[in-house]
């Protein structure tokens, strides 16, 4: 499913960034990429309902100059098919904090060492409703 790409963003460290959308029935996975460009990602967030051999797992990663970093897997999976969801992201020079529905948080390292978020891409099995900066 084609996604939405936002460029020329200016999300400074400490700012809260959220992505909101509806998850359709039969969803396999959806992705939120945040960083400088498609080849330089501070965060690749992949919520997998049933994809790539994973069931109800969130897989996070970074990408620097097109090279993937080390995966982080999160087993807390609050997403429901047929519902609206919102995920919040906050970052600094060392790490990103991901806040899931139900207020569960986890942290992943800012391995790409990016200062701010200039690029966001949302794709997959999510009907995009909007992004917010807080």
Protein backbone atom coordinates (compact mmCIF):
# COMPACT_ATOMS: atom_id res chain seq x y z
CA UNK A 1 0.00 0.00 0.00
CA UNK A 2 1.51 3.38 -0.96
CA UNK A 3 2.34 5.66 1.93
CA UNK A 4 2.70 9.32 2.72
CA UNK A 5 6.07 11.06 2.78
CA UNK A 6 6.77 14.37 4.54
CA UNK A 7 10.03 16.20 3.86
CA UNK A 8 11.54 19.47 5.04
CA UNK A 9 10.24 18.90 8.56
CA UNK A 10 11.91 20.46 11.55
CA UNK A 11 11.32 18.29 14.59
CA UNK A 12 13.83 19.42 17.18
CA UNK A 13 15.15 17.24 20.02
CA UNK A 14 12.61 17.12 22.83
CA UNK A 15 9.63 17.83 20.58
CA UNK A 16 6.89 15.21 20.60
CA UNK A 17 5.87 13.88 17.18
CA UNK A 18 2.80 11.70 16.68
CA UNK A 19 1.37 9.60 13.86
CA UNK A 20 -2.34 8.75 13.82
CA UNK A 21 -4.22 6.34 11.59
CA UNK A 22 -6.86 3.65 11.25
CA UNK A 23 -5.77 0.03 11.13
CA UNK A 24 -7.88 -1.96 8.66
CA UNK A 25 -9.08 -5.52 9.19
CA UNK A 26 -6.57 -8.02 7.85
CA UNK A 27 -3.60 -5.72 8.52
CA UNK A 28 -0.19 -7.41 8.11
CA UNK A 29 2.11 -4.53 9.14
CA UNK A 30 2.66 -0.80 9.05
CA UNK A 31 5.81 1.29 9.12
CA UNK A 32 6.79 4.73 10.40
CA UNK A 33 10.22 5.95 9.25
CA UNK A 34 11.73 9.07 10.85
CA UNK A 35 15.05 10.70 10.05
CA UNK A 36 16.87 12.79 7.46
CA UNK A 37 15.96 10.80 4.32
CA UNK A 38 14.91 7.30 3.26
CA UNK A 39 18.56 6.22 3.51
CA UNK A 40 19.30 7.96 6.84
CA UNK A 41 16.72 6.95 9.44
CA UNK A 42 16.83 7.69 13.14
CA UNK A 43 13.97 5.21 13.50
CA UNK A 44 12.35 2.52 11.38
CA UNK A 45 9.24 1.47 13.38
CA UNK A 46 7.55 -1.65 11.99
CA UNK A 47 4.40 -2.93 13.73
CA UNK A 48 4.00 -6.50 12.49
CA UNK A 49 0.62 -8.17 12.98
CA UNK A 50 1.73 -11.14 10.88
CA UNK A 51 4.67 -10.32 8.60
CA UNK A 52 8.24 -11.46 7.93
CA UNK A 53 7.80 -14.41 10.30
CA UNK A 54 6.78 -12.20 13.25
CA UNK A 55 3.38 -12.14 14.91
CA UNK A 56 2.28 -9.17 17.04
CA UNK A 57 5.81 -7.79 17.32
CA UNK A 58 7.24 -4.30 16.88
CA UNK A 59 10.62 -4.24 15.15
CA UNK A 60 12.68 -1.04 15.32
CA UNK A 61 15.92 -0.23 13.57
CA UNK A 62 18.01 2.65 12.24
CA UNK A 63 19.62 3.19 8.85
CA UNK A 64 22.77 5.14 8.08
CA UNK A 65 23.80 5.79 4.46
CA UNK A 66 21.52 2.94 3.38
CA UNK A 67 22.94 0.41 5.87
CA UNK A 68 20.63 -1.08 8.50
CA UNK A 69 21.67 -1.01 12.17
CA UNK A 70 20.85 -3.40 14.99
CA UNK A 71 17.21 -4.45 15.46
CA UNK A 72 15.27 -3.80 18.64
CA UNK A 73 12.19 -5.98 19.21
CA UNK A 74 9.29 -5.00 21.43
CA UNK A 75 6.72 -7.60 22.44
CA UNK A 76 4.14 -5.17 23.88
CA UNK A 77 1.72 -4.95 20.94
CA UNK A 78 -1.34 -2.78 21.67
CA UNK A 79 -2.55 -2.41 18.08
CA UNK A 80 -5.97 -3.75 17.06
CA UNK A 81 -7.31 -4.33 13.58
CA UNK A 82 -10.34 -2.13 12.87
CA UNK A 83 -9.32 0.60 15.34
CA UNK A 84 -7.71 4.03 15.33
CA UNK A 85 -4.23 4.28 16.78
CA UNK A 86 -1.71 6.99 17.64
CA UNK A 87 1.99 6.51 18.36
CA UNK A 88 4.19 9.24 19.87
CA UNK A 89 7.93 9.70 19.29
CA UNK A 90 10.37 11.91 21.21
CA UNK A 91 14.11 12.03 20.57
CA UNK A 92 17.38 13.50 21.72
CA UNK A 93 20.97 12.97 20.57
CA UNK A 94 21.21 9.64 22.43
CA UNK A 95 17.85 7.89 22.13
CA UNK A 96 14.24 7.88 21.02
CA UNK A 97 11.28 7.27 23.28
CA UNK A 98 8.30 5.55 21.67
CA UNK A 99 4.95 5.85 23.45
CA UNK A 100 2.40 3.26 22.36
CA UNK A 101 -1.37 3.28 22.87
CA UNK A 102 -2.06 2.51 26.53
CA UNK A 103 0.93 4.73 27.46
CA UNK A 104 3.51 1.90 27.32
CA UNK A 105 6.94 3.37 26.53
CA UNK A 106 10.20 1.92 25.33
CA UNK A 107 13.50 3.45 24.26
CA UNK A 108 15.78 2.74 21.31
CA UNK A 109 19.22 4.22 20.73
CA UNK A 110 19.67 7.08 18.24
CA UNK A 111 22.30 4.98 16.47
CA UNK A 112 22.24 7.18 13.36
CA UNK A 113 23.26 10.13 15.59
CA UNK A 114 20.82 12.42 13.80
CA UNK A 115 20.07 15.74 15.51
CA UNK A 116 16.54 16.32 14.25
CA UNK A 117 13.79 14.79 12.18
CA UNK A 118 13.48 16.22 8.67
CA UNK A 119 11.78 13.25 6.99
CA UNK A 120 8.77 11.11 7.91
CA UNK A 121 7.19 8.27 5.94
CA UNK A 122 4.11 6.29 6.96
CA UNK A 123 3.21 3.24 4.88
CA UNK A 124 1.67 -0.20 4.96
CA UNK A 125 -1.58 -1.32 6.51
CA UNK A 126 -2.61 1.97 8.11
CA UNK A 127 -5.02 4.56 6.76
CA UNK A 128 -3.06 7.71 7.57
CA UNK A 129 -5.06 10.39 9.42
CA UNK A 130 -2.35 12.86 10.39
CA UNK A 131 0.82 13.85 12.17
CA UNK A 132 1.16 16.27 15.05
CA UNK A 133 4.00 18.17 16.68
CA UNK A 134 3.71 18.99 20.36
